[in-house]
């Protein structure tokens, strides 16, 4: 578990911002956003997920509190 990444991701979400895997890679240098979200949920945070389609038709997850 990468606690530093988890803390930075949690602060981002607690600020009311949403987070996608690409944004997490660019902002927090993590390629495993799903794993970090799993860690945070295990700690009791009620992180929600919505999906959307990009302009190219790819379905992407977006996480928020």
C-alpha atoms as a PDB file:
ATOM      1  CA  UNK A   1       0.000   0.000   0.000  1.00  0.00           C
ATOM      2  CA  UNK A   2       1.325   3.426  -0.900  1.00  0.00           C
ATOM      3  CA  UNK A   3       0.147   5.578   2.010  1.00  0.00           C
ATOM      4  CA  UNK A   4       1.573   8.801   0.582  1.00  0.00           C
ATOM      5  CA  UNK A   5      -0.358   8.378  -2.667  1.00  0.00           C
ATOM      6  CA  UNK A   6      -3.466   7.413  -0.712  1.00  0.00           C
ATOM      7  CA  UNK A   7      -3.238  10.572   1.393  1.00  0.00           C
ATOM      8  CA  UNK A   8      -2.756  12.845  -1.607  1.00  0.00           C
ATOM      9  CA  UNK A   9      -5.635  11.187  -3.473  1.00  0.00           C
ATOM     10  CA  UNK A  10      -7.866  11.473  -0.401  1.00  0.00           C
ATOM     11  CA  UNK A  11      -7.071  15.195  -0.018  1.00  0.00           C
ATOM     12  CA  UNK A  12      -7.927  15.702  -3.696  1.00  0.00           C
ATOM     13  CA  UNK A  13     -11.274  13.949  -3.280  1.00  0.00           C
ATOM     14  CA  UNK A  14     -12.059  15.688   0.020  1.00  0.00           C
ATOM     15  CA  UNK A  15     -11.563  19.033  -1.746  1.00  0.00           C
ATOM     16  CA  UNK A  16     -14.621  18.133  -3.821  1.00  0.00           C
ATOM     17  CA  UNK A  17     -12.675  17.217  -6.928  1.00  0.00           C
ATOM     18  CA  UNK A  18     -13.223  14.182  -9.126  1.00  0.00           C
ATOM     19  CA  UNK A  19     -10.433  11.879 -10.238  1.00  0.00           C
ATOM     20  CA  UNK A  20      -9.923   9.724 -13.333  1.00  0.00           C
ATOM     21  CA  UNK A  21      -7.112   7.221 -13.894  1.00  0.00           C
ATOM     22  CA  UNK A  22      -5.388   9.553 -16.397  1.00  0.00           C
ATOM     23  CA  UNK A  23      -5.553  12.504 -14.018  1.00  0.00           C
ATOM     24  CA  UNK A  24      -4.225  10.288 -11.192  1.00  0.00           C
ATOM     25  CA  UNK A  25      -1.302   9.251 -13.386  1.00  0.00           C
ATOM     26  CA  UNK A  26      -0.433  12.834 -14.255  1.00  0.00           C
ATOM     27  CA  UNK A  27      -1.044  14.371 -10.821  1.00  0.00           C
ATOM     28  CA  UNK A  28      -0.043  11.574  -8.413  1.00  0.00           C
ATOM     29  CA  UNK A  29       2.148   9.291 -10.561  1.00  0.00           C
ATOM     30  CA  UNK A  30      -0.009   6.243  -9.890  1.00  0.00           C
ATOM     31  CA  UNK A  31      -1.064   3.771 -12.546  1.00  0.00           C
ATOM     32  CA  UNK A  32      -3.204   1.883 -10.022  1.00  0.00           C
ATOM     33  CA  UNK A  33      -5.947   4.301  -9.048  1.00  0.00           C
ATOM     34  CA  UNK A  34      -8.401   1.439  -8.541  1.00  0.00           C
ATOM     35  CA  UNK A  35      -6.067  -0.109  -5.949  1.00  0.00           C
ATOM     36  CA  UNK A  36      -5.660   3.215  -4.143  1.00  0.00           C
ATOM     37  CA  UNK A  37      -9.468   3.682  -4.109  1.00  0.00           C
ATOM     38  CA  UNK A  38      -9.820   0.141  -2.736  1.00  0.00           C
ATOM     39  CA  UNK A  39      -7.372   1.004   0.079  1.00  0.00           C
ATOM     40  CA  UNK A  40      -9.306   4.161   0.949  1.00  0.00           C
ATOM     41  CA  UNK A  41     -12.644   2.367   0.920  1.00  0.00           C
ATOM     42  CA  UNK A  42     -11.207  -0.243   3.300  1.00  0.00           C
ATOM     43  CA  UNK A  43     -10.368   2.648   5.630  1.00  0.00           C
ATOM     44  CA  UNK A  44     -14.048   3.610   5.617  1.00  0.00           C
ATOM     45  CA  UNK A  45     -14.238   6.385   3.034  1.00  0.00           C
ATOM     46  CA  UNK A  46     -17.435   6.348   0.953  1.00  0.00           C
ATOM     47  CA  UNK A  47     -15.847   6.950  -2.438  1.00  0.00           C
ATOM     48  CA  UNK A  48     -18.334   6.866  -5.301  1.00  0.00           C
ATOM     49  CA  UNK A  49     -17.695   5.933  -8.905  1.00  0.00           C
ATOM     50  CA  UNK A  50     -19.362   7.079 -12.079  1.00  0.00           C
ATOM     51  CA  UNK A  51     -18.474   6.045 -15.595  1.00  0.00           C
ATOM     52  CA  UNK A  52     -18.483   8.106 -18.749  1.00  0.00           C
ATOM     53  CA  UNK A  53     -17.514   7.695 -22.376  1.00  0.00           C
ATOM     54  CA  UNK A  54     -14.629   9.662 -23.833  1.00  0.00           C
ATOM     55  CA  UNK A  55     -14.788  11.250 -27.267  1.00  0.00           C
ATOM     56  CA  UNK A  56     -13.141   8.127 -28.656  1.00  0.00           C
ATOM     57  CA  UNK A  57     -15.832   5.902 -27.126  1.00  0.00           C
ATOM     58  CA  UNK A  58     -13.744   4.450 -24.295  1.00  0.00           C
ATOM     59  CA  UNK A  59     -15.555   3.976 -20.965  1.00  0.00           C
ATOM     60  CA  UNK A  60     -13.648   5.546 -18.063  1.00  0.00           C
ATOM     61  CA  UNK A  61     -14.255   5.583 -14.302  1.00  0.00           C
ATOM     62  CA  UNK A  62     -14.379   8.849 -12.376  1.00  0.00           C
ATOM     63  CA  UNK A  63     -14.170   8.783  -8.563  1.00  0.00           C
ATOM     64  CA  UNK A  64     -15.505  11.323  -6.081  1.00  0.00           C
ATOM     65  CA  UNK A  65     -16.653  11.701  -2.459  1.00  0.00           C
END
